[in-house]
Amino acid sequence: MGLSAARAMLGAGARLVVVGKDAGSCARAEKTLGTQTVVIQADATDPACARQAVATCREHWGSIHALYHVAGGSGRSQGDGPLHEL
């Protein structure tokens, strides 16, 4: 879902900073998304990750105009389940 959203945003003219947890997904993102994207390998559960992403965005693109957060989940091994149980 995140990579598809990134492609759509790039198609609309956005410049992106994307964060991936593992090296493989980061490498795929770099290859797929091209030069208007900066890819950071980091764990979104670490508060330092957000600071790094914001700093990287400002360094490369000057400012932030939008945020799209795709990471998350309930931690359940069999899916997230009904919303009222989360």
PDB file of N, CA and C in Angstrom:
ATOM      1  N   MET A   1       0.814  -1.186   0.000  1.00  0.00           N
ATOM      2  CA  MET A   1       0.000   0.000   0.000  1.00  0.00           C
ATOM      3  C   MET A   1       0.864   1.259   0.000  1.00  0.00           C
ATOM      4  N   GLY A   2       1.922   1.263   0.775  1.00  0.00           N
ATOM      5  CA  GLY A   2       2.779   2.433   0.842  1.00  0.00           C
ATOM      6  C   GLY A   2       3.464   2.757  -0.470  1.00  0.00           C
ATOM      7  N   LEU A   3       3.977   1.731  -1.146  1.00  0.00           N
ATOM      8  CA  LEU A   3       4.659   1.945  -2.417  1.00  0.00           C
ATOM      9  C   LEU A   3       3.678   2.426  -3.484  1.00  0.00           C
ATOM     10  N   SER A   4       2.477   1.881  -3.485  1.00  0.00           N
ATOM     11  CA  SER A   4       1.449   2.328  -4.433  1.00  0.00           C
ATOM     12  C   SER A   4       1.085   3.787  -4.191  1.00  0.00           C
ATOM     13  N   ALA A   5       0.941   4.160  -2.932  1.00  0.00           N
ATOM     14  CA  ALA A   5       0.635   5.555  -2.601  1.00  0.00           C
ATOM     15  C   ALA A   5       1.779   6.468  -3.025  1.00  0.00           C
ATOM     16  N   ALA A   6       3.005   6.033  -2.800  1.00  0.00           N
ATOM     17  CA  ALA A   6       4.166   6.831  -3.201  1.00  0.00           C
ATOM     18  C   ALA A   6       4.177   7.044  -4.713  1.00  0.00           C
ATOM     19  N   ARG A   7       3.887   6.002  -5.472  1.00  0.00           N
ATOM     20  CA  ARG A   7       3.829   6.139  -6.941  1.00  0.00           C
ATOM     21  C   ARG A   7       2.764   7.154  -7.346  1.00  0.00           C
ATOM     22  N   ALA A   8       1.599   7.074  -6.714  1.00  0.00           N
ATOM     23  CA  ALA A   8       0.519   8.006  -7.037  1.00  0.00           C
ATOM     24  C   ALA A   8       0.923   9.442  -6.724  1.00  0.00           C
ATOM     25  N   MET A   9       1.565   9.645  -5.591  1.00  0.00           N
ATOM     26  CA  MET A   9       1.995  10.995  -5.218  1.00  0.00           C
ATOM     27  C   MET A   9       3.050  11.522  -6.184  1.00  0.00           C
ATOM     28  N   LEU A  10       3.975  10.658  -6.575  1.00  0.00           N
ATOM     29  CA  LEU A  10       4.982  11.071  -7.553  1.00  0.00           C
ATOM     30  C   LEU A  10       4.325  11.444  -8.870  1.00  0.00           C
ATOM     31  N   GLY A  11       3.314  10.683  -9.264  1.00  0.00           N
ATOM     32  CA  GLY A  11       2.581  10.978 -10.492  1.00  0.00           C
ATOM     33  C   GLY A  11       1.895  12.334 -10.453  1.00  0.00           C
ATOM     34  N   ALA A  12       1.587  12.804  -9.257  1.00  0.00           N
ATOM     35  CA  ALA A  12       0.958  14.114  -9.082  1.00  0.00           C
ATOM     36  C   ALA A  12       1.992  15.223  -8.884  1.00  0.00           C
ATOM     37  N   GLY A  13       3.282  14.873  -8.989  1.00  0.00           N
ATOM     38  CA  GLY A  13       4.334  15.878  -8.908  1.00  0.00           C
ATOM     39  C   GLY A  13       5.004  16.043  -7.558  1.00  0.00           C
ATOM     40  N   ALA A  14       4.715  15.165  -6.622  1.00  0.00           N
ATOM     41  CA  ALA A  14       5.313  15.276  -5.287  1.00  0.00           C
ATOM     42  C   ALA A  14       6.779  14.861  -5.290  1.00  0.00           C
ATOM     43  N   ARG A  15       7.491  15.347  -4.308  1.00  0.00           N
ATOM     44  CA  ARG A  15       8.828  14.866  -3.968  1.00  0.00           C
ATOM     45  C   ARG A  15       8.697  14.230  -2.600  1.00  0.00           C
ATOM     46  N   LEU A  16       9.327  13.083  -2.392  1.00  0.00           N
ATOM     47  CA  LEU A  16       9.043  12.280  -1.212  1.00  0.00           C
ATOM     48  C   LEU A  16      10.263  11.925  -0.386  1.00  0.00           C
ATOM     49  N   VAL A  17      10.006  11.701   0.898  1.00  0.00           N
ATOM     50  CA  VAL A  17      10.910  10.989   1.792  1.00  0.00           C
ATOM     51  C   VAL A  17      10.106   9.795   2.278  1.00  0.00           C
ATOM     52  N   VAL A  18      10.602   8.592   2.008  1.00  0.00           N
ATOM     53  CA  VAL A  18       9.906   7.386   2.457  1.00  0.00           C
ATOM     54  C   VAL A  18      10.805   6.630   3.424  1.00  0.00           C
ATOM     55  N   VAL A  19      10.175   5.955   4.372  1.00  0.00           N
ATOM     56  CA  VAL A  19      10.892   5.205   5.399  1.00  0.00           C
ATOM     57  C   VAL A  19      10.512   3.742   5.290  1.00  0.00           C
ATOM     58  N   GLY A  20      11.524   2.876   5.269  1.00  0.00           N
ATOM     59  CA  GLY A  20      11.298   1.439   5.261  1.00  0.00           C
ATOM     60  C   GLY A  20      12.066   0.784   6.388  1.00  0.00           C
ATOM     61  N   LYS A  21      11.522  -0.313   6.889  1.00  0.00           N
ATOM     62  CA  LYS A  21      12.140  -0.963   8.048  1.00  0.00           C
ATOM     63  C   LYS A  21      13.319  -1.849   7.670  1.00  0.00           C
ATOM     64  N   ASP A  22      13.260  -2.484   6.493  1.00  0.00           N
ATOM     65  CA  ASP A  22      14.339  -3.418   6.151  1.00  0.00           C
ATOM     66  C   ASP A  22      15.032  -2.997   4.858  1.00  0.00           C
ATOM     67  N   ALA A  23      16.256  -3.455   4.714  1.00  0.00           N
ATOM     68  CA  ALA A  23      17.094  -3.062   3.577  1.00  0.00           C
ATOM     69  C   ALA A  23      16.476  -3.454   2.245  1.00  0.00           C
ATOM     70  N   GLY A  24      15.843  -4.615   2.190  1.00  0.00           N
ATOM     71  CA  GLY A  24      15.244  -5.074   0.935  1.00  0.00           C
ATOM     72  C   GLY A  24      14.137  -4.162   0.451  1.00  0.00           C
ATOM     73  N   SER A  25      13.239  -3.777   1.347  1.00  0.00           N
ATOM     74  CA  SER A  25      12.146  -2.898   0.937  1.00  0.00           C
ATOM     75  C   SER A  25      12.670  -1.511   0.565  1.00  0.00           C
ATOM     76  N   CYS A  26      13.700  -1.058   1.247  1.00  0.00           N
ATOM     77  CA  CYS A  26      14.298   0.238   0.913  1.00  0.00           C
ATOM     78  C   CYS A  26      14.949   0.201  -0.468  1.00  0.00           C
ATOM     79  N   ALA A  27      15.651  -0.873  -0.771  1.00  0.00           N
ATOM     80  CA  ALA A  27      16.291  -1.009  -2.084  1.00  0.00           C
ATOM     81  C   ALA A  27      15.243  -1.039  -3.192  1.00  0.00           C
ATOM     82  N   ARG A  28      14.147  -1.769  -2.978  1.00  0.00           N
ATOM     83  CA  ARG A  28      13.066  -1.814  -3.974  1.00  0.00           C
ATOM     84  C   ARG A  28      12.448  -0.431  -4.164  1.00  0.00           C
ATOM     85  N   ALA A  29      12.247   0.276  -3.068  1.00  0.00           N
ATOM     86  CA  ALA A  29      11.667   1.619  -3.160  1.00  0.00           C
ATOM     87  C   ALA A  29      12.588   2.555  -3.933  1.00  0.00           C
ATOM     88  N   GLU A  30      13.875   2.524  -3.634  1.00  0.00           N
ATOM     89  CA  GLU A  30      14.826   3.379  -4.352  1.00  0.00           C
ATOM     90  C   GLU A  30      14.812   3.084  -5.839  1.00  0.00           C
ATOM     91  N   LYS A  31      14.804   1.806  -6.191  1.00  0.00           N
ATOM     92  CA  LYS A  31      14.814   1.402  -7.602  1.00  0.00           C
ATOM     93  C   LYS A  31      13.517   1.799  -8.298  1.00  0.00           C
ATOM     94  N   THR A  32      12.410   1.630  -7.620  1.00  0.00           N
ATOM     95  CA  THR A  32      11.097   1.866  -8.212  1.00  0.00           C
ATOM     96  C   THR A  32      10.734   3.341  -8.294  1.00  0.00           C
ATOM     97  N   LEU A  33      11.067   4.111  -7.269  1.00  0.00           N
ATOM     98  CA  LEU A  33      10.533   5.465  -7.151  1.00  0.00           C
ATOM     99  C   LEU A  33      11.383   6.547  -7.800  1.00  0.00           C
ATOM    100  N   GLY A  34      12.664   6.329  -7.960  1.00  0.00           N
ATOM    101  CA  GLY A  34      13.481   7.269  -8.710  1.00  0.00           C
ATOM    102  C   GLY A  34      14.000   8.470  -7.938  1.00  0.00           C
ATOM    103  N   THR A  35      14.387   9.496  -8.690  1.00  0.00           N
ATOM    104  CA  THR A  35      15.176  10.602  -8.151  1.00  0.00           C
ATOM    105  C   THR A  35      14.391  11.631  -7.345  1.00  0.00           C
ATOM    106  N   GLN A  36      13.081  11.613  -7.412  1.00  0.00           N
ATOM    107  CA  GLN A  36      12.286  12.562  -6.633  1.00  0.00           C
ATOM    108  C   GLN A  36      11.930  12.002  -5.255  1.00  0.00           C
ATOM    109  N   THR A  37      12.641  10.934  -4.871  1.00  0.00           N
ATOM    110  CA  THR A  37      12.380  10.261  -3.601  1.00  0.00           C
ATOM    111  C   THR A  37      13.684  10.008  -2.859  1.00  0.00           C
ATOM    112  N   VAL A  38      13.695  10.292  -1.570  1.00  0.00           N
ATOM    113  CA  VAL A  38      14.797   9.930  -0.687  1.00  0.00           C
ATOM    114  C   VAL A  38      14.277   8.812   0.209  1.00  0.00           C
ATOM    115  N   VAL A  39      15.015   7.710   0.277  1.00  0.00           N
ATOM    116  CA  VAL A  39      14.603   6.553   1.067  1.00  0.00           C
ATOM    117  C   VAL A  39      15.482   6.449   2.308  1.00  0.00           C
ATOM    118  N   ILE A  40      14.850   6.271   3.460  1.00  0.00           N
ATOM    119  CA  ILE A  40      15.537   6.113   4.740  1.00  0.00           C
ATOM    120  C   ILE A  40      15.200   4.738   5.294  1.00  0.00           C
ATOM    121  N   GLN A  41      16.217   3.998   5.720  1.00  0.00           N
ATOM    122  CA  GLN A  41      15.963   2.742   6.424  1.00  0.00           C
ATOM    123  C   GLN A  41      15.926   3.042   7.912  1.00  0.00           C
ATOM    124  N   ALA A  42      14.763   2.827   8.531  1.00  0.00           N
ATOM    125  CA  ALA A  42      14.590   3.101   9.961  1.00  0.00           C
ATOM    126  C   ALA A  42      13.347   2.379  10.461  1.00  0.00           C
ATOM    127  N   ASP A  43      13.232   2.274  11.763  1.00  0.00           N
ATOM    128  CA  ASP A  43      12.087   1.639  12.411  1.00  0.00           C
ATOM    129  C   ASP A  43      11.134   2.730  12.890  1.00  0.00           C
ATOM    130  N   ALA A  44       9.937   2.771  12.335  1.00  0.00           N
ATOM    131  CA  ALA A  44       8.972   3.827  12.661  1.00  0.00           C
ATOM    132  C   ALA A  44       8.511   3.791  14.113  1.00  0.00           C
ATOM    133  N   THR A  45       8.800   2.708  14.839  1.00  0.00           N
ATOM    134  CA  THR A  45       8.451   2.676  16.262  1.00  0.00           C
ATOM    135  C   THR A  45       9.479   3.412  17.117  1.00  0.00           C
ATOM    136  N   ASP A  46      10.590   3.802  16.518  1.00  0.00           N
ATOM    137  CA  ASP A  46      11.636   4.554  17.215  1.00  0.00           C
ATOM    138  C   ASP A  46      11.373   6.051  17.020  1.00  0.00           C
ATOM    139  N   PRO A  47      11.178   6.816  18.084  1.00  0.00           N
ATOM    140  CA  PRO A  47      10.906   8.253  17.944  1.00  0.00           C
ATOM    141  C   PRO A  47      11.968   9.001  17.133  1.00  0.00           C
ATOM    142  N   ALA A  48      13.186   8.528  17.134  1.00  0.00           N
ATOM    143  CA  ALA A  48      14.246   9.181  16.357  1.00  0.00           C
ATOM    144  C   ALA A  48      13.972   9.099  14.860  1.00  0.00           C
ATOM    145  N   CYS A  49      13.214   8.114  14.447  1.00  0.00           N
ATOM    146  CA  CYS A  49      12.884   7.941  13.030  1.00  0.00           C
ATOM    147  C   CYS A  49      12.130   9.157  12.496  1.00  0.00           C
ATOM    148  N   ALA A  50      11.160   9.645  13.239  1.00  0.00           N
ATOM    149  CA  ALA A  50      10.386  10.811  12.805  1.00  0.00           C
ATOM    150  C   ALA A  50      11.282  12.037  12.687  1.00  0.00           C
ATOM    151  N   ARG A  51      12.151  12.229  13.659  1.00  0.00           N
ATOM    152  CA  ARG A  51      13.072  13.374  13.603  1.00  0.00           C
ATOM    153  C   ARG A  51      13.978  13.272  12.377  1.00  0.00           C
ATOM    154  N   GLN A  52      14.465  12.059  12.094  1.00  0.00           N
ATOM    155  CA  GLN A  52      15.329  11.850  10.937  1.00  0.00           C
ATOM    156  C   GLN A  52      14.572  12.122   9.640  1.00  0.00           C
ATOM    157  N   ALA A  53      13.342  11.653   9.546  1.00  0.00           N
ATOM    158  CA  ALA A  53      12.555  11.858   8.325  1.00  0.00           C
ATOM    159  C   ALA A  53      12.275  13.340   8.090  1.00  0.00           C
ATOM    160  N   VAL A  54      11.916  14.064   9.136  1.00  0.00           N
ATOM    161  CA  VAL A  54      11.655  15.498   9.009  1.00  0.00           C
ATOM    162  C   VAL A  54      12.928  16.236   8.602  1.00  0.00           C
ATOM    163  N   ALA A  55      14.038  15.929   9.243  1.00  0.00           N
ATOM    164  CA  ALA A  55      15.309  16.583   8.905  1.00  0.00           C
ATOM    165  C   ALA A  55      15.713  16.288   7.463  1.00  0.00           C
ATOM    166  N   THR A  56      15.531  15.056   7.038  1.00  0.00           N
ATOM    167  CA  THR A  56      15.875  14.674   5.665  1.00  0.00           C
ATOM    168  C   THR A  56      14.997  15.412   4.667  1.00  0.00           C
ATOM    169  N   CYS A  57      13.713  15.504   4.960  1.00  0.00           N
ATOM    170  CA  CYS A  57      12.803  16.225   4.071  1.00  0.00           C
ATOM    171  C   CYS A  57      13.208  17.690   3.940  1.00  0.00           C
ATOM    172  N   ARG A  58      13.484  18.318   5.051  1.00  0.00           N
ATOM    173  CA  ARG A  58      13.888  19.731   5.011  1.00  0.00           C
ATOM    174  C   ARG A  58      15.208  19.914   4.270  1.00  0.00           C
ATOM    175  N   GLU A  59      16.138  18.984   4.492  1.00  0.00           N
ATOM    176  CA  GLU A  59      17.444  19.071   3.831  1.00  0.00           C
ATOM    177  C   GLU A  59      17.311  18.940   2.315  1.00  0.00           C
ATOM    178  N   HIS A  60      16.506  17.995   1.865  1.00  0.00           N
ATOM    179  CA  HIS A  60      16.410  17.723   0.427  1.00  0.00           C
ATOM    180  C   HIS A  60      15.369  18.578  -0.287  1.00  0.00           C
ATOM    181  N   TRP A  61      14.242  18.849   0.348  1.00  0.00           N
ATOM    182  CA  TRP A  61      13.130  19.490  -0.344  1.00  0.00           C
ATOM    183  C   TRP A  61      12.749  20.846   0.245  1.00  0.00           C
ATOM    184  N   GLY A  62      13.356  21.246   1.358  1.00  0.00           N
ATOM    185  CA  GLY A  62      13.117  22.575   1.913  1.00  0.00           C
ATOM    186  C   GLY A  62      11.999  22.678   2.935  1.00  0.00           C
ATOM    187  N   SER A  63      10.928  21.955   2.736  1.00  0.00           N
ATOM    188  CA  SER A  63       9.805  22.033   3.676  1.00  0.00           C
ATOM    189  C   SER A  63       8.923  20.795   3.526  1.00  0.00           C
ATOM    190  N   ILE A  64       7.943  20.693   4.405  1.00  0.00           N
ATOM    191  CA  ILE A  64       7.001  19.576   4.377  1.00  0.00           C
ATOM    192  C   ILE A  64       5.615  20.140   4.085  1.00  0.00           C
ATOM    193  N   HIS A  65       4.931  19.559   3.106  1.00  0.00           N
ATOM    194  CA  HIS A  65       3.585  20.009   2.754  1.00  0.00           C
ATOM    195  C   HIS A  65       2.515  18.987   3.107  1.00  0.00           C
ATOM    196  N   ALA A  66       2.914  17.741   3.330  1.00  0.00           N
ATOM    197  CA  ALA A  66       1.938  16.700   3.667  1.00  0.00           C
ATOM    198  C   ALA A  66       2.652  15.530   4.325  1.00  0.00           C
ATOM    199  N   LEU A  67       1.876  14.729   5.055  1.00  0.00           N
ATOM    200  CA  LEU A  67       2.396  13.525   5.695  1.00  0.00           C
ATOM    201  C   LEU A  67       1.422  12.392   5.432  1.00  0.00           C
ATOM    202  N   TYR A  68       1.946  11.254   5.002  1.00  0.00           N
ATOM    203  CA  TYR A  68       1.134  10.058   4.772  1.00  0.00           C
ATOM    204  C   TYR A  68       1.797   8.929   5.532  1.00  0.00           C
ATOM    205  N   HIS A  69       1.151   8.437   6.574  1.00  0.00           N
ATOM    206  CA  HIS A  69       1.730   7.420   7.453  1.00  0.00           C
ATOM    207  C   HIS A  69       1.044   6.092   7.197  1.00  0.00           C
ATOM    208  N   VAL A  70       1.819   5.063   6.832  1.00  0.00           N
ATOM    209  CA  VAL A  70       1.245   3.770   6.479  1.00  0.00           C
ATOM    210  C   VAL A  70       1.650   2.672   7.446  1.00  0.00           C
ATOM    211  N   ALA A  71       2.607   2.899   8.300  1.00  0.00           N
ATOM    212  CA  ALA A  71       3.075   1.858   9.220  1.00  0.00           C
ATOM    213  C   ALA A  71       2.054   1.630  10.324  1.00  0.00           C
ATOM    214  N   GLY A  72       2.029   0.417  10.834  1.00  0.00           N
ATOM    215  CA  GLY A  72       1.166   0.172  11.979  1.00  0.00           C
ATOM    216  C   GLY A  72       0.554  -1.209  11.975  1.00  0.00           C
ATOM    217  N   GLY A  73      -0.247  -1.461  12.947  1.00  0.00           N
ATOM    218  CA  GLY A  73      -0.916  -2.740  13.112  1.00  0.00           C
ATOM    219  C   GLY A  73      -1.126  -3.007  14.583  1.00  0.00           C
ATOM    220  N   SER A  74      -1.949  -3.969  14.864  1.00  0.00           N
ATOM    221  CA  SER A  74      -2.289  -4.250  16.256  1.00  0.00           C
ATOM    222  C   SER A  74      -1.298  -5.160  16.947  1.00  0.00           C
ATOM    223  N   GLY A  75      -0.447  -5.830  16.168  1.00  0.00           N
ATOM    224  CA  GLY A  75       0.476  -6.785  16.752  1.00  0.00           C
ATOM    225  C   GLY A  75      -0.101  -8.184  16.849  1.00  0.00           C
ATOM    226  N   ARG A  76      -1.345  -8.355  16.453  1.00  0.00           N
ATOM    227  CA  ARG A  76      -1.960  -9.682  16.468  1.00  0.00           C
ATOM    228  C   ARG A  76      -1.360 -10.537  15.363  1.00  0.00           C
ATOM    229  N   SER A  77      -1.193 -11.797  15.619  1.00  0.00           N
ATOM    230  CA  SER A  77      -0.590 -12.676  14.612  1.00  0.00           C
ATOM    231  C   SER A  77      -1.586 -13.125  13.551  1.00  0.00           C
ATOM    232  N   GLN A  78      -2.868 -12.983  13.775  1.00  0.00           N
ATOM    233  CA  GLN A  78      -3.876 -13.441  12.824  1.00  0.00           C
ATOM    234  C   GLN A  78      -4.698 -12.294  12.253  1.00  0.00           C
ATOM    235  N   GLY A  79      -4.112 -11.157  12.053  1.00  0.00           N
ATOM    236  CA  GLY A  79      -4.830 -10.016  11.492  1.00  0.00           C
ATOM    237  C   GLY A  79      -5.244  -9.036  12.570  1.00  0.00           C
ATOM    238  N   ASP A  80      -5.698  -7.897  12.145  1.00  0.00           N
ATOM    239  CA  ASP A  80      -6.036  -6.836  13.081  1.00  0.00           C
ATOM    240  C   ASP A  80      -7.372  -7.051  13.781  1.00  0.00           C
ATOM    241  N   GLY A  81      -8.310  -7.698  13.155  1.00  0.00           N
ATOM    242  CA  GLY A  81      -9.592  -7.941  13.799  1.00  0.00           C
ATOM    243  C   GLY A  81     -10.514  -6.742  13.746  1.00  0.00           C
ATOM    244  N   PRO A  82     -11.677  -6.841  14.388  1.00  0.00           N
ATOM    245  CA  PRO A  82     -12.655  -5.750  14.388  1.00  0.00           C
ATOM    246  C   PRO A  82     -12.106  -4.499  15.074  1.00  0.00           C
ATOM    247  N   LEU A  83     -12.457  -3.349  14.532  1.00  0.00           N
ATOM    248  CA  LEU A  83     -11.947  -2.091  15.079  1.00  0.00           C
ATOM    249  C   LEU A  83     -12.301  -1.910  16.547  1.00  0.00           C
ATOM    250  N   HIS A  84     -13.485  -2.328  16.965  1.00  0.00           N
ATOM    251  CA  HIS A  84     -13.883  -2.110  18.356  1.00  0.00           C
ATOM    252  C   HIS A  84     -13.078  -2.963  19.342  1.00  0.00           C
ATOM    253  N   GLU A  85     -12.314  -3.933  18.835  1.00  0.00           N
ATOM    254  CA  GLU A  85     -11.489  -4.774  19.701  1.00  0.00           C
ATOM    255  C   GLU A  85     -10.025  -4.349  19.732  1.00  0.00           C
ATOM    256  N   LEU A  86      -9.650  -3.367  18.944  1.00  0.00           N
ATOM    257  CA  LEU A  86      -8.245  -2.952  18.885  1.00  0.00           C
ATOM    258  C   LEU A  86      -7.858  -2.131  20.078  1.00  0.00           C
TER     259      LEU A  86
END
